[in-house]
Amino acid sequence: MTHRHHTPSDEERHRLRAAVTAAPLLELTEITGVAGGRVLPVMSVGILDEPHVPYVRLTSQALYRVPELLRPWAESFIRVHLNSENPPELPCWVEFGVSDGQAVAAMRGSTRILPAN
């Protein structure tokens, strides 16, 4: 299967950079035995070219900057979607949080019929 990639124009890159820079930072909650992290319906994951800021766009079109500690997760997520013959379907539920002092993000549950926030 071949994945088609849109090459954004300079204007699109500028608008995205401005939107991501202005977006709120995704707050990570503590994952405990009783409470899970923050589960969000993620439509896309990206990293700006400059500055190298990871971000997620939700099904509601809301945009969040992802904490720098989760940049490796964002890079891995993007790599899987670009290089895998059968990448996970988007949108998907992703749980964000802190577990044992470490920032974590993990896909959760079904990828079908995600409500907008």
N, C-alpha and C. Protein backbone atom coordinates (compact mmCIF):
# COMPACT_ATOMS: atom_id res chain seq x y z
N MET A 1 0.85 -1.17 0.00
CA MET A 1 0.00 0.00 0.00
C MET A 1 0.89 1.24 0.00
N THR A 2 0.58 2.19 -0.84
CA THR A 2 1.35 3.43 -0.91
C THR A 2 0.58 4.52 -0.18
N HIS A 3 1.29 5.25 0.70
CA HIS A 3 0.68 6.36 1.42
C HIS A 3 1.03 7.65 0.71
N ARG A 4 0.01 8.44 0.37
CA ARG A 4 0.25 9.72 -0.27
C ARG A 4 0.46 10.77 0.79
N HIS A 5 1.43 11.63 0.58
CA HIS A 5 1.75 12.67 1.54
C HIS A 5 1.57 14.02 0.89
N HIS A 6 0.89 14.89 1.59
CA HIS A 6 0.68 16.26 1.12
C HIS A 6 1.92 17.08 1.49
N THR A 7 2.48 17.78 0.54
CA THR A 7 3.59 18.68 0.81
C THR A 7 3.01 20.08 0.98
N PRO A 8 3.06 20.59 2.25
CA PRO A 8 2.44 21.89 2.50
C PRO A 8 3.21 23.04 1.84
N SER A 9 2.46 24.07 1.47
CA SER A 9 3.07 25.28 0.91
C SER A 9 3.73 26.06 2.05
N ASP A 10 4.52 27.06 1.69
CA ASP A 10 5.14 27.92 2.71
C ASP A 10 4.07 28.58 3.56
N GLU A 11 2.98 29.01 2.93
CA GLU A 11 1.90 29.67 3.68
C GLU A 11 1.25 28.70 4.66
N GLU A 12 1.01 27.45 4.22
CA GLU A 12 0.43 26.44 5.11
C GLU A 12 1.36 26.14 6.28
N ARG A 13 2.66 26.03 6.01
CA ARG A 13 3.64 25.79 7.09
C ARG A 13 3.65 26.95 8.08
N HIS A 14 3.58 28.18 7.57
CA HIS A 14 3.56 29.36 8.43
C HIS A 14 2.31 29.37 9.32
N ARG A 15 1.15 29.08 8.73
CA ARG A 15 -0.10 29.04 9.51
C ARG A 15 -0.06 27.95 10.57
N LEU A 16 0.46 26.77 10.20
CA LEU A 16 0.55 25.68 11.16
C LEU A 16 1.51 26.05 12.30
N ARG A 17 2.66 26.61 11.95
CA ARG A 17 3.63 27.02 12.97
C ARG A 17 2.99 28.00 13.95
N ALA A 18 2.26 28.99 13.43
CA ALA A 18 1.59 29.98 14.28
C ALA A 18 0.54 29.32 15.17
N ALA A 19 -0.24 28.39 14.59
CA ALA A 19 -1.30 27.72 15.36
C ALA A 19 -0.72 26.84 16.46
N VAL A 20 0.32 26.07 16.13
CA VAL A 20 0.93 25.19 17.12
C VAL A 20 1.60 26.00 18.22
N THR A 21 2.30 27.04 17.85
CA THR A 21 2.97 27.89 18.84
C THR A 21 1.96 28.50 19.81
N ALA A 22 0.78 28.87 19.31
CA ALA A 22 -0.26 29.47 20.15
C ALA A 22 -1.10 28.43 20.90
N ALA A 23 -1.01 27.17 20.51
CA ALA A 23 -1.84 26.12 21.11
C ALA A 23 -1.45 25.87 22.57
N PRO A 24 -2.42 25.46 23.38
CA PRO A 24 -2.09 25.14 24.77
C PRO A 24 -1.24 23.87 24.86
N LEU A 25 -0.44 23.80 25.92
CA LEU A 25 0.35 22.61 26.19
C LEU A 25 -0.56 21.54 26.77
N LEU A 26 -0.49 20.34 26.25
CA LEU A 26 -1.29 19.23 26.74
C LEU A 26 -0.82 18.89 28.16
N GLU A 27 -1.72 19.00 29.11
CA GLU A 27 -1.38 18.69 30.50
C GLU A 27 -1.48 17.18 30.72
N LEU A 28 -0.46 16.64 31.37
CA LEU A 28 -0.41 15.21 31.64
C LEU A 28 -0.86 14.95 33.08
N THR A 29 -1.81 14.02 33.24
CA THR A 29 -2.27 13.66 34.57
C THR A 29 -1.57 12.39 35.03
N GLU A 30 -1.52 12.21 36.33
CA GLU A 30 -0.89 11.02 36.91
C GLU A 30 -1.76 9.80 36.65
N ILE A 31 -1.15 8.73 36.15
CA ILE A 31 -1.85 7.46 35.93
C ILE A 31 -1.61 6.62 37.18
N THR A 32 -2.70 6.24 37.84
CA THR A 32 -2.59 5.43 39.05
C THR A 32 -3.37 4.15 38.83
N GLY A 33 -3.40 3.30 39.86
CA GLY A 33 -4.17 2.06 39.78
C GLY A 33 -5.66 2.34 39.68
N VAL A 34 -6.09 3.52 40.14
CA VAL A 34 -7.50 3.87 40.14
C VAL A 34 -7.85 4.75 38.94
N ALA A 35 -7.01 5.74 38.65
CA ALA A 35 -7.31 6.72 37.60
C ALA A 35 -6.34 6.56 36.43
N GLY A 36 -6.91 6.62 35.24
CA GLY A 36 -6.09 6.57 34.03
C GLY A 36 -5.64 7.96 33.65
N GLY A 37 -4.95 8.05 32.54
CA GLY A 37 -4.51 9.33 32.02
C GLY A 37 -5.63 10.01 31.25
N ARG A 38 -5.26 11.01 30.52
CA ARG A 38 -6.20 11.77 29.71
C ARG A 38 -6.31 11.08 28.36
N VAL A 39 -7.51 10.59 28.00
CA VAL A 39 -7.72 9.86 26.75
C VAL A 39 -8.39 10.80 25.77
N LEU A 40 -7.75 11.01 24.62
CA LEU A 40 -8.22 11.97 23.62
C LEU A 40 -8.35 11.33 22.25
N PRO A 41 -9.32 11.78 21.45
CA PRO A 41 -9.48 11.27 20.08
C PRO A 41 -8.53 12.01 19.13
N VAL A 42 -7.43 11.40 18.81
CA VAL A 42 -6.38 12.04 18.01
C VAL A 42 -6.59 11.79 16.52
N MET A 43 -6.60 12.89 15.76
CA MET A 43 -6.77 12.84 14.31
C MET A 43 -5.41 12.80 13.61
N SER A 44 -4.43 13.55 14.18
CA SER A 44 -3.09 13.57 13.57
C SER A 44 -2.05 13.94 14.61
N VAL A 45 -0.82 13.54 14.31
CA VAL A 45 0.34 13.83 15.15
C VAL A 45 1.39 14.44 14.24
N GLY A 46 2.07 15.47 14.71
CA GLY A 46 3.12 16.09 13.89
C GLY A 46 4.20 16.70 14.75
N ILE A 47 5.25 17.13 14.08
CA ILE A 47 6.35 17.86 14.72
C ILE A 47 6.71 18.99 13.77
N LEU A 48 6.70 20.21 14.29
CA LEU A 48 7.09 21.35 13.46
C LEU A 48 8.54 21.22 13.03
N ASP A 49 8.86 21.78 11.85
CA ASP A 49 10.24 21.79 11.38
C ASP A 49 11.10 22.69 12.28
N GLU A 50 10.67 23.88 12.50
CA GLU A 50 11.38 24.83 13.37
C GLU A 50 10.37 25.70 14.06
N PRO A 51 10.32 25.80 15.35
CA PRO A 51 11.05 24.96 16.29
C PRO A 51 10.47 23.54 16.28
N HIS A 52 11.23 22.58 16.74
CA HIS A 52 10.81 21.17 16.72
C HIS A 52 9.84 20.89 17.85
N VAL A 53 8.59 21.31 17.66
CA VAL A 53 7.55 21.16 18.67
C VAL A 53 6.58 20.07 18.25
N PRO A 54 6.44 19.01 19.07
CA PRO A 54 5.45 17.99 18.74
C PRO A 54 4.04 18.49 19.07
N TYR A 55 3.05 18.02 18.29
CA TYR A 55 1.67 18.44 18.52
C TYR A 55 0.71 17.35 18.09
N VAL A 56 -0.53 17.46 18.60
CA VAL A 56 -1.61 16.57 18.17
C VAL A 56 -2.80 17.43 17.78
N ARG A 57 -3.55 16.96 16.79
CA ARG A 57 -4.82 17.58 16.41
C ARG A 57 -5.90 16.55 16.73
N LEU A 58 -6.94 17.01 17.43
CA LEU A 58 -8.03 16.12 17.83
C LEU A 58 -9.11 16.10 16.76
N THR A 59 -10.06 15.18 16.90
CA THR A 59 -11.16 15.09 15.94
C THR A 59 -11.99 16.36 15.96
N SER A 60 -11.96 17.12 17.05
CA SER A 60 -12.69 18.39 17.14
C SER A 60 -11.93 19.51 16.43
N GLN A 61 -10.75 19.21 15.90
CA GLN A 61 -9.82 20.16 15.27
C GLN A 61 -9.02 20.96 16.30
N ALA A 62 -9.26 20.71 17.60
CA ALA A 62 -8.45 21.36 18.64
C ALA A 62 -7.00 20.91 18.48
N LEU A 63 -6.09 21.83 18.74
CA LEU A 63 -4.65 21.58 18.58
C LEU A 63 -3.98 21.72 19.93
N TYR A 64 -3.10 20.78 20.27
CA TYR A 64 -2.34 20.83 21.52
C TYR A 64 -0.86 20.62 21.24
N ARG A 65 -0.03 21.41 21.89
CA ARG A 65 1.40 21.11 21.90
C ARG A 65 1.59 19.93 22.85
N VAL A 66 2.45 19.01 22.47
CA VAL A 66 2.73 17.84 23.29
C VAL A 66 4.01 18.13 24.07
N PRO A 67 4.05 17.78 25.37
CA PRO A 67 5.27 18.02 26.14
C PRO A 67 6.51 17.43 25.45
N GLU A 68 7.60 18.14 25.54
CA GLU A 68 8.86 17.73 24.91
C GLU A 68 9.26 16.30 25.29
N LEU A 69 8.93 15.89 26.51
CA LEU A 69 9.25 14.52 26.94
C LEU A 69 8.58 13.46 26.07
N LEU A 70 7.52 13.85 25.36
CA LEU A 70 6.82 12.89 24.49
C LEU A 70 7.22 13.03 23.03
N ARG A 71 8.26 13.82 22.73
CA ARG A 71 8.70 13.92 21.34
C ARG A 71 9.11 12.55 20.77
N PRO A 72 9.83 11.69 21.52
CA PRO A 72 10.15 10.36 20.96
C PRO A 72 8.90 9.58 20.58
N TRP A 73 7.81 9.69 21.38
CA TRP A 73 6.57 9.02 21.03
C TRP A 73 6.03 9.58 19.72
N ALA A 74 6.02 10.91 19.58
CA ALA A 74 5.51 11.54 18.36
C ALA A 74 6.34 11.11 17.14
N GLU A 75 7.65 11.08 17.29
CA GLU A 75 8.52 10.66 16.19
C GLU A 75 8.23 9.21 15.79
N SER A 76 8.06 8.34 16.79
CA SER A 76 7.76 6.93 16.52
C SER A 76 6.39 6.78 15.85
N PHE A 77 5.39 7.52 16.34
CA PHE A 77 4.05 7.48 15.78
C PHE A 77 4.08 7.88 14.30
N ILE A 78 4.78 8.95 14.00
CA ILE A 78 4.88 9.44 12.62
C ILE A 78 5.61 8.42 11.75
N ARG A 79 6.72 7.89 12.26
CA ARG A 79 7.52 6.91 11.50
C ARG A 79 6.66 5.69 11.14
N VAL A 80 5.87 5.19 12.10
CA VAL A 80 5.01 4.03 11.84
C VAL A 80 4.00 4.36 10.74
N HIS A 81 3.41 5.55 10.79
CA HIS A 81 2.41 5.92 9.79
C HIS A 81 3.01 6.16 8.42
N LEU A 82 4.25 6.57 8.35
CA LEU A 82 4.88 6.81 7.06
C LEU A 82 5.47 5.55 6.45
N ASN A 83 5.95 4.64 7.29
CA ASN A 83 6.72 3.51 6.78
C ASN A 83 6.03 2.15 6.86
N SER A 84 4.93 2.05 7.56
CA SER A 84 4.27 0.77 7.73
C SER A 84 3.29 0.52 6.58
N GLU A 85 3.20 -0.73 6.18
CA GLU A 85 2.22 -1.08 5.16
C GLU A 85 0.82 -1.08 5.73
N ASN A 86 0.68 -1.32 7.02
CA ASN A 86 -0.61 -1.34 7.69
C ASN A 86 -0.55 -0.49 8.96
N PRO A 87 -0.45 0.83 8.80
CA PRO A 87 -0.36 1.68 9.99
C PRO A 87 -1.67 1.67 10.75
N PRO A 88 -1.63 1.96 12.05
CA PRO A 88 -2.87 2.06 12.82
C PRO A 88 -3.79 3.10 12.19
N GLU A 89 -5.08 2.84 12.27
CA GLU A 89 -6.07 3.73 11.69
C GLU A 89 -6.18 5.03 12.48
N LEU A 90 -6.36 6.11 11.77
CA LEU A 90 -6.64 7.40 12.40
C LEU A 90 -8.04 7.82 11.99
N PRO A 91 -8.82 8.44 12.85
CA PRO A 91 -8.44 8.85 14.21
C PRO A 91 -8.35 7.65 15.14
N CYS A 92 -7.70 7.88 16.29
CA CYS A 92 -7.57 6.84 17.30
C CYS A 92 -7.57 7.48 18.68
N TRP A 93 -7.94 6.69 19.67
CA TRP A 93 -7.89 7.14 21.05
C TRP A 93 -6.46 7.01 21.54
N VAL A 94 -5.94 8.05 22.17
CA VAL A 94 -4.60 8.02 22.74
C VAL A 94 -4.70 8.48 24.19
N GLU A 95 -4.09 7.70 25.08
CA GLU A 95 -4.04 8.06 26.49
C GLU A 95 -2.70 8.73 26.77
N PHE A 96 -2.78 9.91 27.38
CA PHE A 96 -1.60 10.69 27.75
C PHE A 96 -1.55 10.78 29.27
N GLY A 97 -0.37 10.64 29.85
CA GLY A 97 -0.26 10.77 31.29
C GLY A 97 1.16 10.62 31.78
N VAL A 98 1.27 10.47 33.10
CA VAL A 98 2.56 10.25 33.76
C VAL A 98 2.41 8.99 34.59
N SER A 99 3.30 8.04 34.36
CA SER A 99 3.29 6.78 35.09
C SER A 99 4.69 6.52 35.63
N ASP A 100 4.80 6.31 36.94
CA ASP A 100 6.10 6.07 37.58
C ASP A 100 7.10 7.17 37.23
N GLY A 101 6.61 8.41 37.17
CA GLY A 101 7.49 9.55 36.90
C GLY A 101 7.86 9.75 35.44
N GLN A 102 7.31 8.91 34.54
CA GLN A 102 7.63 9.00 33.12
C GLN A 102 6.42 9.46 32.32
N ALA A 103 6.62 10.38 31.38
CA ALA A 103 5.55 10.79 30.48
C ALA A 103 5.27 9.64 29.52
N VAL A 104 3.98 9.32 29.33
CA VAL A 104 3.61 8.22 28.44
C VAL A 104 2.45 8.63 27.54
N ALA A 105 2.39 7.99 26.38
CA ALA A 105 1.28 8.13 25.45
C ALA A 105 1.08 6.76 24.82
N ALA A 106 -0.16 6.29 24.78
CA ALA A 106 -0.42 4.96 24.23
C ALA A 106 -1.79 4.93 23.56
N MET A 107 -1.87 4.23 22.44
CA MET A 107 -3.15 4.06 21.76
C MET A 107 -4.04 3.17 22.61
N ARG A 108 -5.35 3.50 22.61
CA ARG A 108 -6.32 2.77 23.41
C ARG A 108 -7.55 2.44 22.60
N GLY A 109 -8.08 1.25 22.79
CA GLY A 109 -9.40 0.88 22.30
C GLY A 109 -9.65 1.05 20.81
N SER A 110 -10.91 1.20 20.50
CA SER A 110 -11.39 1.25 19.12
C SER A 110 -10.99 2.54 18.41
N THR A 111 -10.84 2.44 17.11
CA THR A 111 -10.53 3.61 16.30
C THR A 111 -11.78 4.11 15.58
N ARG A 112 -12.93 3.55 15.84
CA ARG A 112 -14.16 3.89 15.12
C ARG A 112 -15.01 4.91 15.88
N ILE A 113 -15.69 5.76 15.14
CA ILE A 113 -16.68 6.70 15.64
C ILE A 113 -16.20 7.46 16.87
N LEU A 114 -15.26 8.33 16.67
CA LEU A 114 -14.75 9.15 17.76
C LEU A 114 -15.49 10.47 17.81
N PRO A 115 -16.04 10.81 18.96
CA PRO A 115 -16.75 12.09 19.07
C PRO A 115 -15.77 13.26 19.10
N ALA A 116 -16.22 14.41 18.67
CA ALA A 116 -15.42 15.62 18.81
C ALA A 116 -15.50 16.07 20.26
N ASN A 117 -14.42 16.63 20.77
CA ASN A 117 -14.41 17.13 22.15
C ASN A 117 -15.26 18.35 22.28
